[in-house]
Amino acid sequence: MKKKFARLSIIIGLVIFAVIIYTIGLDQIWSNIKKINPFNFLVLVFLRLLYWILRTLSWKVIIDEYEPHHSLFQLFKTRMYGHAVSQLTPTAQVGSEAARVLMTDCSSKKISMASVIVDKTIEFLSAVCFVICGLAILLYNISLSGKLKYSLISGVAVTTLFVFFIFSIQKKGILRWTLDFLSKIKIRPRFLEKNREKLLETDKYISDFYLHHKRAFLNSFLLYGLLMMLWVVETHLNIQYIGARDITFVDSFIITALTNLALIFPFIPASLGIYEVSNVGIFALLGKKSDVGITLVLIRRIIAMIMAGVGLLCIFPVRKSQKKQDQETLS
């Protein structure tokens, strides 16, 4: 069933992607791409690399509260490998986070799992705040129809409530809550039941972080806020390189913030199709050309694949380090 769902999501994403490209016109999109010279492209790649470094630094702030021996470079390699998994396999973000848990050099996988869960939660919290700001600016600057306005507000509100609900549950024990909820609806996965005690121990690590490491939580949250603003700068430069001079920095903020909603869906590989539709829709709301929106997405996807290549190169040193750790454990 999982394989069928993954294949179906990829097929649907590819169909949506192809329809958008066909509707807008490949010639116009290619004409936009050619406006980006090699130097400008390298600037965008550098900004995306800086984005991943900041993202890793935010995770390091968290994991250092458990075990402070992790180097930024080692965590960066692990994070990039996770990115490669999410981009190149049907597992999407779920596979990315699982890869981080397995490849992180911690004394216990319970600690690495706790750090990844906390890190992902803080990322979602910052993304939600970012989206709320983007929606507020959009509503302030543009008069929307009643149905569209309330649909956007409702979508953001539901997402916000869901993320904050997950955040509040984590303080008490999200894994215990999940196991109990599945038991109530008569679902008892053998793997989860078999590892129940380990999952409950992981819960303690998660709860402990929120209760006793509030400064680290704030620092991680602020780093994600800085990361979001870097993303806005990257988006604005990308749009300017394409030649869309009518798009202001405020427009770029709105575009970056609201398209984050597409990235909240963790089960769609690379948010294929959803990300394209979101960008075209936001550009339409702003009264901007849709070909600029889809070109922006394609450039991002090209750079994302380059970063995935970096992640694949990182797997070899990571595996070597993991093998060495296993040998030391056995000895």
C-alpha atoms as a PDB file:
ATOM      1  CA  MET A   1       0.000   0.000   0.000  1.00  0.00           C
ATOM      2  CA  LYS A   2       2.835   2.421   0.866  1.00  0.00           C
ATOM      3  CA  LYS A   3       4.583   1.689  -2.442  1.00  0.00           C
ATOM      4  CA  LYS A   4       1.362   2.226  -4.373  1.00  0.00           C
ATOM      5  CA  PHE A   5       0.741   5.526  -2.599  1.00  0.00           C
ATOM      6  CA  ALA A   6       4.299   6.688  -3.306  1.00  0.00           C
ATOM      7  CA  ARG A   7       4.039   5.765  -6.983  1.00  0.00           C
ATOM      8  CA  LEU A   8       0.630   7.389  -7.303  1.00  0.00           C
ATOM      9  CA  SER A   9       1.861  10.624  -5.699  1.00  0.00           C
ATOM     10  CA  ILE A  10       4.830  10.738  -8.085  1.00  0.00           C
ATOM     11  CA  ILE A  11       2.609  10.130 -11.122  1.00  0.00           C
ATOM     12  CA  ILE A  12       0.120  12.819 -10.047  1.00  0.00           C
ATOM     13  CA  GLY A  13       2.969  15.248  -9.367  1.00  0.00           C
ATOM     14  CA  LEU A  14       4.530  14.598 -12.767  1.00  0.00           C
ATOM     15  CA  VAL A  15       1.186  15.059 -14.532  1.00  0.00           C
ATOM     16  CA  ILE A  16       0.559  18.402 -12.767  1.00  0.00           C
ATOM     17  CA  PHE A  17       4.124  19.468 -13.540  1.00  0.00           C
ATOM     18  CA  ALA A  18       3.785  18.549 -17.233  1.00  0.00           C
ATOM     19  CA  VAL A  19       0.410  20.288 -17.575  1.00  0.00           C
ATOM     20  CA  ILE A  20       1.771  23.530 -16.084  1.00  0.00           C
ATOM     21  CA  ILE A  21       4.842  23.474 -18.352  1.00  0.00           C
ATOM     22  CA  TYR A  22       2.674  22.788 -21.421  1.00  0.00           C
ATOM     23  CA  THR A  23       0.154  25.505 -20.503  1.00  0.00           C
ATOM     24  CA  ILE A  24       2.751  28.211 -19.927  1.00  0.00           C
ATOM     25  CA  GLY A  25       4.979  27.207 -22.820  1.00  0.00           C
ATOM     26  CA  LEU A  26       8.442  25.679 -22.787  1.00  0.00           C
ATOM     27  CA  ASP A  27       9.872  28.349 -25.110  1.00  0.00           C
ATOM     28  CA  GLN A  28       9.000  31.186 -22.733  1.00  0.00           C
ATOM     29  CA  ILE A  29      10.363  29.308 -19.740  1.00  0.00           C
ATOM     30  CA  TRP A  30      13.628  28.531 -21.555  1.00  0.00           C
ATOM     31  CA  SER A  31      13.902  32.183 -22.582  1.00  0.00           C
ATOM     32  CA  ASN A  32      13.671  33.170 -18.887  1.00  0.00           C
ATOM     33  CA  ILE A  33      16.256  30.593 -17.813  1.00  0.00           C
ATOM     34  CA  LYS A  34      18.778  31.847 -20.395  1.00  0.00           C
ATOM     35  CA  LYS A  35      18.694  35.295 -18.766  1.00  0.00           C
ATOM     36  CA  ILE A  36      20.544  33.877 -15.745  1.00  0.00           C
ATOM     37  CA  ASN A  37      24.264  34.092 -16.469  1.00  0.00           C
ATOM     38  CA  PRO A  38      26.819  31.681 -14.907  1.00  0.00           C
ATOM     39  CA  PHE A  39      27.902  34.166 -12.215  1.00  0.00           C
ATOM     40  CA  ASN A  40      24.301  34.804 -11.117  1.00  0.00           C
ATOM     41  CA  PHE A  41      23.680  31.076 -10.999  1.00  0.00           C
ATOM     42  CA  LEU A  42      26.745  30.582  -8.784  1.00  0.00           C
ATOM     43  CA  VAL A  43      25.422  33.306  -6.453  1.00  0.00           C
ATOM     44  CA  LEU A  44      22.133  31.390  -6.127  1.00  0.00           C
ATOM     45  CA  VAL A  45      23.993  28.124  -5.468  1.00  0.00           C
ATOM     46  CA  PHE A  46      26.109  29.858  -2.786  1.00  0.00           C
ATOM     47  CA  LEU A  47      22.992  31.257  -1.089  1.00  0.00           C
ATOM     48  CA  ARG A  48      21.400  27.806  -1.104  1.00  0.00           C
ATOM     49  CA  LEU A  49      24.582  26.343   0.399  1.00  0.00           C
ATOM     50  CA  LEU A  50      24.469  29.020   3.105  1.00  0.00           C
ATOM     51  CA  TYR A  51      20.798  28.110   3.646  1.00  0.00           C
ATOM     52  CA  TRP A  52      21.788  24.484   4.375  1.00  0.00           C
ATOM     53  CA  ILE A  53      24.612  25.559   6.671  1.00  0.00           C
ATOM     54  CA  LEU A  54      22.191  27.679   8.716  1.00  0.00           C
ATOM     55  CA  ARG A  55      19.721  24.810   8.782  1.00  0.00           C
ATOM     56  CA  THR A  56      22.447  22.505  10.073  1.00  0.00           C
ATOM     57  CA  LEU A  57      23.549  25.064  12.662  1.00  0.00           C
ATOM     58  CA  SER A  58      19.999  25.198  14.016  1.00  0.00           C
ATOM     59  CA  TRP A  59      20.021  21.408  14.396  1.00  0.00           C
ATOM     60  CA  LYS A  60      23.465  21.557  16.051  1.00  0.00           C
ATOM     61  CA  VAL A  61      22.119  23.963  18.685  1.00  0.00           C
ATOM     62  CA  ILE A  62      19.600  21.274  19.600  1.00  0.00           C
ATOM     63  CA  ILE A  63      21.765  18.166  19.473  1.00  0.00           C
ATOM     64  CA  ASP A  64      24.557  19.861  21.456  1.00  0.00           C
ATOM     65  CA  GLU A  65      22.199  20.016  24.428  1.00  0.00           C
ATOM     66  CA  TYR A  66      22.295  16.217  24.457  1.00  0.00           C
ATOM     67  CA  GLU A  67      25.869  15.542  23.293  1.00  0.00           C
ATOM     68  CA  PRO A  68      28.162  18.534  22.570  1.00  0.00           C
ATOM     69  CA  HIS A  69      30.844  16.642  20.611  1.00  0.00           C
ATOM     70  CA  HIS A  70      29.223  16.906  17.167  1.00  0.00           C
ATOM     71  CA  SER A  71      31.063  18.995  14.581  1.00  0.00           C
ATOM     72  CA  LEU A  72      29.112  21.297  12.272  1.00  0.00           C
ATOM     73  CA  PHE A  73      30.795  19.729   9.247  1.00  0.00           C
ATOM     74  CA  GLN A  74      29.784  16.185  10.225  1.00  0.00           C
ATOM     75  CA  LEU A  75      26.185  17.229  10.868  1.00  0.00           C
ATOM     76  CA  PHE A  76      26.182  19.140   7.572  1.00  0.00           C
ATOM     77  CA  LYS A  77      27.217  15.989   5.695  1.00  0.00           C
ATOM     78  CA  THR A  78      24.483  13.989   7.409  1.00  0.00           C
ATOM     79  CA  ARG A  79      21.885  16.669   6.667  1.00  0.00           C
ATOM     80  CA  MET A  80      22.862  16.861   2.996  1.00  0.00           C
ATOM     81  CA  TYR A  81      22.627  13.101   2.679  1.00  0.00           C
ATOM     82  CA  GLY A  82      19.115  13.314   4.110  1.00  0.00           C
ATOM     83  CA  HIS A  83      18.302  15.971   1.508  1.00  0.00           C
ATOM     84  CA  ALA A  84      19.535  13.624  -1.234  1.00  0.00           C
ATOM     85  CA  VAL A  85      17.240  10.881   0.088  1.00  0.00           C
ATOM     86  CA  SER A  86      14.212  13.207   0.049  1.00  0.00           C
ATOM     87  CA  GLN A  87      14.956  14.424  -3.499  1.00  0.00           C
ATOM     88  CA  LEU A  88      15.928  11.157  -5.168  1.00  0.00           C
ATOM     89  CA  THR A  89      13.630   8.589  -3.527  1.00  0.00           C
ATOM     90  CA  PRO A  90       9.832   8.319  -3.065  1.00  0.00           C
ATOM     91  CA  THR A  91      10.232   8.663   0.722  1.00  0.00           C
ATOM     92  CA  ALA A  92      10.118  12.508   0.637  1.00  0.00           C
ATOM     93  CA  GLN A  93      10.808  14.300   3.942  1.00  0.00           C
ATOM     94  CA  VAL A  94      10.034  11.155   5.944  1.00  0.00           C
ATOM     95  CA  GLY A  95      13.032   9.444   4.358  1.00  0.00           C
ATOM     96  CA  SER A  96      15.187  12.519   4.896  1.00  0.00           C
ATOM     97  CA  GLU A  97      14.553  12.586   8.639  1.00  0.00           C
ATOM     98  CA  ALA A  98      14.935   8.814   8.975  1.00  0.00           C
ATOM     99  CA  ALA A  99      18.319   9.066   7.223  1.00  0.00           C
ATOM    100  CA  ARG A 100      19.404  11.745   9.690  1.00  0.00           C
ATOM    101  CA  VAL A 101      18.422   9.552  12.637  1.00  0.00           C
ATOM    102  CA  LEU A 102      20.333   6.548  11.302  1.00  0.00           C
ATOM    103  CA  MET A 103      23.470   8.369  10.153  1.00  0.00           C
ATOM    104  CA  THR A 104      23.990  10.757  13.081  1.00  0.00           C
ATOM    105  CA  ASP A 105      26.960   9.775  15.244  1.00  0.00           C
ATOM    106  CA  CYS A 106      25.245   9.678  18.654  1.00  0.00           C
ATOM    107  CA  SER A 107      25.805   7.384  21.602  1.00  0.00           C
ATOM    108  CA  SER A 108      22.182   6.317  21.221  1.00  0.00           C
ATOM    109  CA  LYS A 109      19.730   6.401  18.323  1.00  0.00           C
ATOM    110  CA  LYS A 110      17.141   7.613  20.832  1.00  0.00           C
ATOM    111  CA  ILE A 111      19.123  10.848  21.184  1.00  0.00           C
ATOM    112  CA  SER A 112      19.507  11.355  17.434  1.00  0.00           C
ATOM    113  CA  MET A 113      15.795  10.649  16.929  1.00  0.00           C
ATOM    114  CA  ALA A 114      14.834  13.120  19.657  1.00  0.00           C
ATOM    115  CA  SER A 115      17.064  15.828  18.175  1.00  0.00           C
ATOM    116  CA  VAL A 116      15.579  15.326  14.694  1.00  0.00           C
ATOM    117  CA  ILE A 117      11.988  15.449  15.974  1.00  0.00           C
ATOM    118  CA  VAL A 118      12.658  18.624  17.974  1.00  0.00           C
ATOM    119  CA  ASP A 119      14.526  20.199  15.051  1.00  0.00           C
ATOM    120  CA  LYS A 120      11.704  19.431  12.610  1.00  0.00           C
ATOM    121  CA  THR A 121       9.113  20.790  15.025  1.00  0.00           C
ATOM    122  CA  ILE A 122      10.969  24.086  15.470  1.00  0.00           C
ATOM    123  CA  GLU A 123      11.339  24.316  11.692  1.00  0.00           C
ATOM    124  CA  PHE A 124       7.575  23.892  11.279  1.00  0.00           C
ATOM    125  CA  LEU A 125       6.878  26.460  14.004  1.00  0.00           C
ATOM    126  CA  SER A 126       9.086  29.056  12.318  1.00  0.00           C
ATOM    127  CA  ALA A 127       7.569  28.236   8.909  1.00  0.00           C
ATOM    128  CA  VAL A 128       4.057  28.743  10.294  1.00  0.00           C
ATOM    129  CA  CYS A 129       5.006  32.143  11.756  1.00  0.00           C
ATOM    130  CA  PHE A 130       6.564  33.037   8.412  1.00  0.00           C
ATOM    131  CA  VAL A 131       3.440  32.003   6.506  1.00  0.00           C
ATOM    132  CA  ILE A 132       1.212  34.035   8.863  1.00  0.00           C
ATOM    133  CA  CYS A 133       3.368  37.133   8.219  1.00  0.00           C
ATOM    134  CA  GLY A 134       3.216  36.525   4.475  1.00  0.00           C
ATOM    135  CA  LEU A 135      -0.565  36.134   4.524  1.00  0.00           C
ATOM    136  CA  ALA A 136      -0.994  39.304   6.618  1.00  0.00           C
ATOM    137  CA  ILE A 137       1.120  41.314   4.162  1.00  0.00           C
ATOM    138  CA  LEU A 138      -0.802  39.843   1.224  1.00  0.00           C
ATOM    139  CA  LEU A 139      -4.192  40.744   2.714  1.00  0.00           C
ATOM    140  CA  TYR A 140      -2.956  44.236   3.573  1.00  0.00           C
ATOM    141  CA  ASN A 141      -1.674  44.958   0.070  1.00  0.00           C
ATOM    142  CA  ILE A 142      -4.194  43.141  -2.120  1.00  0.00           C
ATOM    143  CA  SER A 143      -7.984  43.098  -2.045  1.00  0.00           C
ATOM    144  CA  LEU A 144      -9.130  39.502  -2.450  1.00  0.00           C
ATOM    145  CA  SER A 145     -12.603  38.072  -2.975  1.00  0.00           C
ATOM    146  CA  GLY A 146     -14.400  36.867   0.149  1.00  0.00           C
ATOM    147  CA  LYS A 147     -14.196  33.142  -0.672  1.00  0.00           C
ATOM    148  CA  LEU A 148     -10.525  33.243  -1.593  1.00  0.00           C
ATOM    149  CA  LYS A 149      -9.641  35.337   1.453  1.00  0.00           C
ATOM    150  CA  TYR A 150     -11.423  33.020   3.873  1.00  0.00           C
ATOM    151  CA  SER A 151      -9.992  29.925   2.136  1.00  0.00           C
ATOM    152  CA  LEU A 152      -6.452  31.210   2.603  1.00  0.00           C
ATOM    153  CA  ILE A 153      -7.090  32.228   6.199  1.00  0.00           C
ATOM    154  CA  SER A 154      -8.756  28.887   6.966  1.00  0.00           C
ATOM    155  CA  GLY A 155      -5.919  26.890   5.398  1.00  0.00           C
ATOM    156  CA  VAL A 156      -3.269  28.772   7.339  1.00  0.00           C
ATOM    157  CA  ALA A 157      -5.325  28.582  10.560  1.00  0.00           C
ATOM    158  CA  VAL A 158      -5.787  24.801  10.299  1.00  0.00           C
ATOM    159  CA  THR A 159      -2.084  24.307   9.582  1.00  0.00           C
ATOM    160  CA  THR A 160      -1.132  26.577  12.494  1.00  0.00           C
ATOM    161  CA  LEU A 161      -3.404  24.747  14.930  1.00  0.00           C
ATOM    162  CA  PHE A 162      -2.079  21.376  13.794  1.00  0.00           C
ATOM    163  CA  VAL A 163       1.592  22.383  14.200  1.00  0.00           C
ATOM    164  CA  PHE A 164       1.006  23.949  17.622  1.00  0.00           C
ATOM    165  CA  PHE A 165      -0.987  20.882  18.676  1.00  0.00           C
ATOM    166  CA  ILE A 166       1.966  18.644  17.772  1.00  0.00           C
ATOM    167  CA  PHE A 167       4.262  21.027  19.642  1.00  0.00           C
ATOM    168  CA  SER A 168       2.149  20.927  22.799  1.00  0.00           C
ATOM    169  CA  ILE A 169       1.854  17.134  22.697  1.00  0.00           C
ATOM    170  CA  GLN A 170       5.623  16.780  22.467  1.00  0.00           C
ATOM    171  CA  LYS A 171       6.048  18.363  25.893  1.00  0.00           C
ATOM    172  CA  LYS A 172       4.024  15.517  27.388  1.00  0.00           C
ATOM    173  CA  GLY A 173       5.203  12.705  25.104  1.00  0.00           C
ATOM    174  CA  ILE A 174       4.232  12.592  21.449  1.00  0.00           C
ATOM    175  CA  LEU A 175       5.379   9.029  20.836  1.00  0.00           C
ATOM    176  CA  ARG A 176       3.382   7.717  23.811  1.00  0.00           C
ATOM    177  CA  TRP A 177       0.373   9.714  22.588  1.00  0.00           C
ATOM    178  CA  THR A 178       0.774   8.243  19.089  1.00  0.00           C
ATOM    179  CA  LEU A 179       1.007   4.682  20.381  1.00  0.00           C
ATOM    180  CA  ASP A 180      -2.042   5.162  22.621  1.00  0.00           C
ATOM    181  CA  PHE A 181      -4.024   6.758  19.785  1.00  0.00           C
ATOM    182  CA  LEU A 182      -3.220   3.890  17.412  1.00  0.00           C
ATOM    183  CA  SER A 183      -4.226   1.384  20.084  1.00  0.00           C
ATOM    184  CA  LYS A 184      -7.595   3.124  20.546  1.00  0.00           C
ATOM    185  CA  ILE A 185      -8.373   2.759  16.841  1.00  0.00           C
ATOM    186  CA  LYS A 186      -7.232  -0.880  16.938  1.00  0.00           C
ATOM    187  CA  ILE A 187      -3.981  -0.339  15.021  1.00  0.00           C
ATOM    188  CA  ARG A 188      -0.922  -1.938  16.584  1.00  0.00           C
ATOM    189  CA  PRO A 189       2.054  -1.968  14.203  1.00  0.00           C
ATOM    190  CA  ARG A 190       4.385  -4.783  15.246  1.00  0.00           C
ATOM    191  CA  PHE A 191       7.521  -2.661  14.854  1.00  0.00           C
ATOM    192  CA  LEU A 192       6.185   0.111  17.114  1.00  0.00           C
ATOM    193  CA  GLU A 193       4.909  -2.275  19.760  1.00  0.00           C
ATOM    194  CA  LYS A 194       8.196  -4.175  19.736  1.00  0.00           C
ATOM    195  CA  ASN A 195      10.156  -0.966  20.301  1.00  0.00           C
ATOM    196  CA  ARG A 196       7.665   0.652  22.656  1.00  0.00           C
ATOM    197  CA  GLU A 197      10.122   1.048  25.553  1.00  0.00           C
ATOM    198  CA  LYS A 198      12.762   2.643  23.319  1.00  0.00           C
ATOM    199  CA  LEU A 199      10.182   5.058  21.921  1.00  0.00           C
ATOM    200  CA  LEU A 200       9.083   6.040  25.410  1.00  0.00           C
ATOM    201  CA  GLU A 201      12.705   6.707  26.352  1.00  0.00           C
ATOM    202  CA  THR A 202      12.990   8.921  23.264  1.00  0.00           C
ATOM    203  CA  ASP A 203       9.913  10.774  24.510  1.00  0.00           C
ATOM    204  CA  LYS A 204      11.797  11.648  27.691  1.00  0.00           C
ATOM    205  CA  TYR A 205      14.643  13.197  25.703  1.00  0.00           C
ATOM    206  CA  ILE A 206      12.159  15.270  23.699  1.00  0.00           C
ATOM    207  CA  SER A 207      10.230  16.465  26.745  1.00  0.00           C
ATOM    208  CA  ASP A 208      13.450  17.230  28.606  1.00  0.00           C
ATOM    209  CA  PHE A 209      14.594  19.563  25.824  1.00  0.00           C
ATOM    210  CA  TYR A 210      11.437  21.687  25.998  1.00  0.00           C
ATOM    211  CA  LEU A 211      11.461  21.780  29.798  1.00  0.00           C
ATOM    212  CA  HIS A 212      15.139  22.472  30.512  1.00  0.00           C
ATOM    213  CA  HIS A 213      16.706  23.936  27.374  1.00  0.00           C
ATOM    214  CA  LYS A 214      14.551  26.961  26.584  1.00  0.00           C
ATOM    215  CA  ARG A 215      17.505  29.131  25.540  1.00  0.00           C
ATOM    216  CA  ALA A 216      18.551  26.520  22.957  1.00  0.00           C
ATOM    217  CA  PHE A 217      14.956  26.380  21.724  1.00  0.00           C
ATOM    218  CA  LEU A 218      14.910  30.159  21.256  1.00  0.00           C
ATOM    219  CA  ASN A 219      18.312  30.181  19.532  1.00  0.00           C
ATOM    220  CA  SER A 220      17.228  27.452  17.128  1.00  0.00           C
ATOM    221  CA  PHE A 221      13.962  29.249  16.402  1.00  0.00           C
ATOM    222  CA  LEU A 222      15.788  32.539  15.704  1.00  0.00           C
ATOM    223  CA  LEU A 223      18.232  30.767  13.382  1.00  0.00           C
ATOM    224  CA  TYR A 224      15.301  29.388  11.421  1.00  0.00           C
ATOM    225  CA  GLY A 225      13.882  32.911  11.239  1.00  0.00           C
ATOM    226  CA  LEU A 226      17.196  34.142   9.826  1.00  0.00           C
ATOM    227  CA  LEU A 227      17.141  31.236   7.390  1.00  0.00           C
ATOM    228  CA  MET A 228      13.676  32.243   6.163  1.00  0.00           C
ATOM    229  CA  MET A 229      14.850  35.786   5.485  1.00  0.00           C
ATOM    230  CA  LEU A 230      17.855  34.421   3.591  1.00  0.00           C
ATOM    231  CA  TRP A 231      15.373  32.421   1.509  1.00  0.00           C
ATOM    232  CA  VAL A 232      13.493  35.638   0.693  1.00  0.00           C
ATOM    233  CA  VAL A 233      16.740  37.274  -0.478  1.00  0.00           C
ATOM    234  CA  GLU A 234      17.511  34.229  -2.621  1.00  0.00           C
ATOM    235  CA  THR A 235      14.007  34.306  -4.128  1.00  0.00           C
ATOM    236  CA  HIS A 236      14.201  38.020  -4.878  1.00  0.00           C
ATOM    237  CA  LEU A 237      17.605  37.745  -6.539  1.00  0.00           C
ATOM    238  CA  ASN A 238      16.407  34.758  -8.553  1.00  0.00           C
ATOM    239  CA  ILE A 239      13.409  36.723  -9.806  1.00  0.00           C
ATOM    240  CA  GLN A 240      15.543  39.752 -10.611  1.00  0.00           C
ATOM    241  CA  TYR A 241      18.011  37.604 -12.550  1.00  0.00           C
ATOM    242  CA  ILE A 242      15.107  36.298 -14.627  1.00  0.00           C
ATOM    243  CA  GLY A 243      14.335  39.908 -15.536  1.00  0.00           C
ATOM    244  CA  ALA A 244      11.059  40.452 -13.630  1.00  0.00           C
ATOM    245  CA  ARG A 245      11.859  43.973 -12.398  1.00  0.00           C
ATOM    246  CA  ASP A 246       8.238  44.681 -11.482  1.00  0.00           C
ATOM    247  CA  ILE A 247       8.379  42.273  -8.543  1.00  0.00           C
ATOM    248  CA  THR A 248       9.345  44.034  -5.317  1.00  0.00           C
ATOM    249  CA  PHE A 249      11.109  42.621  -2.254  1.00  0.00           C
ATOM    250  CA  VAL A 250       7.748  42.605  -0.436  1.00  0.00           C
ATOM    251  CA  ASP A 251       6.302  40.513  -3.275  1.00  0.00           C
ATOM    252  CA  SER A 252       9.235  38.114  -2.921  1.00  0.00           C
ATOM    253  CA  PHE A 253       8.523  37.859   0.819  1.00  0.00           C
ATOM    254  CA  ILE A 254       4.891  36.932   0.116  1.00  0.00           C
ATOM    255  CA  ILE A 255       5.885  34.411  -2.573  1.00  0.00           C
ATOM    256  CA  THR A 256       8.462  32.710  -0.345  1.00  0.00           C
ATOM    257  CA  ALA A 257       6.218  32.673   2.715  1.00  0.00           C
ATOM    258  CA  LEU A 258       3.052  31.310   1.132  1.00  0.00           C
ATOM    259  CA  THR A 259       4.760  28.672  -1.000  1.00  0.00           C
ATOM    260  CA  ASN A 260       6.064  27.252   2.286  1.00  0.00           C
ATOM    261  CA  LEU A 261       2.615  25.714   2.693  1.00  0.00           C
ATOM    262  CA  ALA A 262       3.480  23.303  -0.121  1.00  0.00           C
ATOM    263  CA  LEU A 263       6.590  22.147   1.729  1.00  0.00           C
ATOM    264  CA  ILE A 264       4.628  21.269   4.878  1.00  0.00           C
ATOM    265  CA  PHE A 265       3.291  18.140   3.139  1.00  0.00           C
ATOM    266  CA  PRO A 266       5.966  15.597   4.175  1.00  0.00           C
ATOM    267  CA  PHE A 267       4.801  12.647   2.058  1.00  0.00           C
ATOM    268  CA  ILE A 268       5.043  14.128  -1.452  1.00  0.00           C
ATOM    269  CA  PRO A 269       8.525  13.582  -2.963  1.00  0.00           C
ATOM    270  CA  ALA A 270      10.137  17.032  -3.389  1.00  0.00           C
ATOM    271  CA  SER A 271       6.581  18.502  -3.196  1.00  0.00           C
ATOM    272  CA  LEU A 272       6.382  17.664  -6.912  1.00  0.00           C
ATOM    273  CA  GLY A 273       3.391  19.340  -8.550  1.00  0.00           C
ATOM    274  CA  ILE A 274       2.174  20.997  -5.352  1.00  0.00           C
ATOM    275  CA  TYR A 275       5.105  23.419  -5.280  1.00  0.00           C
ATOM    276  CA  GLU A 276       4.558  24.355  -8.928  1.00  0.00           C
ATOM    277  CA  VAL A 277       0.835  24.969  -8.455  1.00  0.00           C
ATOM    278  CA  SER A 278       1.504  27.028  -5.316  1.00  0.00           C
ATOM    279  CA  ASN A 279       4.014  29.284  -7.077  1.00  0.00           C
ATOM    280  CA  VAL A 280       1.816  29.838 -10.131  1.00  0.00           C
ATOM    281  CA  GLY A 281      -1.170  30.536  -7.868  1.00  0.00           C
ATOM    282  CA  ILE A 282       0.695  33.083  -5.720  1.00  0.00           C
ATOM    283  CA  PHE A 283       2.051  34.839  -8.813  1.00  0.00           C
ATOM    284  CA  ALA A 284      -1.503  35.016 -10.183  1.00  0.00           C
ATOM    285  CA  LEU A 285      -2.743  36.537  -6.903  1.00  0.00           C
ATOM    286  CA  LEU A 286      -0.055  39.198  -7.143  1.00  0.00           C
ATOM    287  CA  GLY A 287      -0.932  39.893 -10.770  1.00  0.00           C
ATOM    288  CA  LYS A 288       2.483  38.722 -11.975  1.00  0.00           C
ATOM    289  CA  LYS A 289       3.390  36.558 -14.970  1.00  0.00           C
ATOM    290  CA  SER A 290       3.037  32.834 -14.328  1.00  0.00           C
ATOM    291  CA  ASP A 291       6.047  32.017 -16.539  1.00  0.00           C
ATOM    292  CA  VAL A 292       8.274  33.822 -14.024  1.00  0.00           C
ATOM    293  CA  GLY A 293       6.788  31.719 -11.220  1.00  0.00           C
ATOM    294  CA  ILE A 294       7.390  28.389 -12.944  1.00  0.00           C
ATOM    295  CA  THR A 295      10.898  29.459 -14.026  1.00  0.00           C
ATOM    296  CA  LEU A 296      11.655  30.277 -10.382  1.00  0.00           C
ATOM    297  CA  VAL A 297      10.570  26.754  -9.404  1.00  0.00           C
ATOM    298  CA  LEU A 298      12.668  25.109 -12.113  1.00  0.00           C
ATOM    299  CA  ILE A 299      15.805  27.017 -11.084  1.00  0.00           C
ATOM    300  CA  ARG A 300      15.180  25.985  -7.474  1.00  0.00           C
ATOM    301  CA  ARG A 301      14.766  22.368  -8.514  1.00  0.00           C
ATOM    302  CA  ILE A 302      17.991  22.425 -10.514  1.00  0.00           C
ATOM    303  CA  ILE A 303      19.880  23.823  -7.514  1.00  0.00           C
ATOM    304  CA  ALA A 304      18.122  21.297  -5.243  1.00  0.00           C
ATOM    305  CA  MET A 305      19.428  18.477  -7.436  1.00  0.00           C
ATOM    306  CA  ILE A 306      22.942  19.954  -7.240  1.00  0.00           C
ATOM    307  CA  MET A 307      22.616  19.957  -3.445  1.00  0.00           C
ATOM    308  CA  ALA A 308      21.360  16.349  -3.642  1.00  0.00           C
ATOM    309  CA  GLY A 309      24.554  15.526  -5.534  1.00  0.00           C
ATOM    310  CA  VAL A 310      26.527  17.074  -2.688  1.00  0.00           C
ATOM    311  CA  GLY A 311      24.540  14.861  -0.325  1.00  0.00           C
ATOM    312  CA  LEU A 312      25.440  11.722  -2.280  1.00  0.00           C
ATOM    313  CA  LEU A 313      29.126  12.654  -2.074  1.00  0.00           C
ATOM    314  CA  CYS A 314      28.700  13.027   1.696  1.00  0.00           C
ATOM    315  CA  ILE A 315      27.432   9.453   2.168  1.00  0.00           C
ATOM    316  CA  PHE A 316      30.873   7.859   1.706  1.00  0.00           C
ATOM    317  CA  PRO A 317      32.628   9.664   4.611  1.00  0.00           C
ATOM    318  CA  VAL A 318      29.486   9.237   6.732  1.00  0.00           C
ATOM    319  CA  ARG A 319      29.406   5.481   6.104  1.00  0.00           C
ATOM    320  CA  LYS A 320      33.109   5.210   6.896  1.00  0.00           C
ATOM    321  CA  SER A 321      32.583   7.058  10.186  1.00  0.00           C
ATOM    322  CA  GLN A 322      29.570   4.885  11.013  1.00  0.00           C
ATOM    323  CA  LYS A 323      31.534   1.690  10.309  1.00  0.00           C
ATOM    324  CA  LYS A 324      34.383   2.880  12.559  1.00  0.00           C
ATOM    325  CA  GLN A 325      31.884   3.644  15.349  1.00  0.00           C
ATOM    326  CA  ASP A 326      30.348   0.165  15.037  1.00  0.00           C
ATOM    327  CA  GLN A 327      33.794  -1.463  15.252  1.00  0.00           C
ATOM    328  CA  GLU A 328      34.644   0.535  18.380  1.00  0.00           C
ATOM    329  CA  THR A 329      31.324  -0.469  19.931  1.00  0.00           C
ATOM    330  CA  LEU A 330      32.003  -4.172  19.250  1.00  0.00           C
ATOM    331  CA  SER A 331      35.514  -3.934  20.676  1.00  0.00           C
END
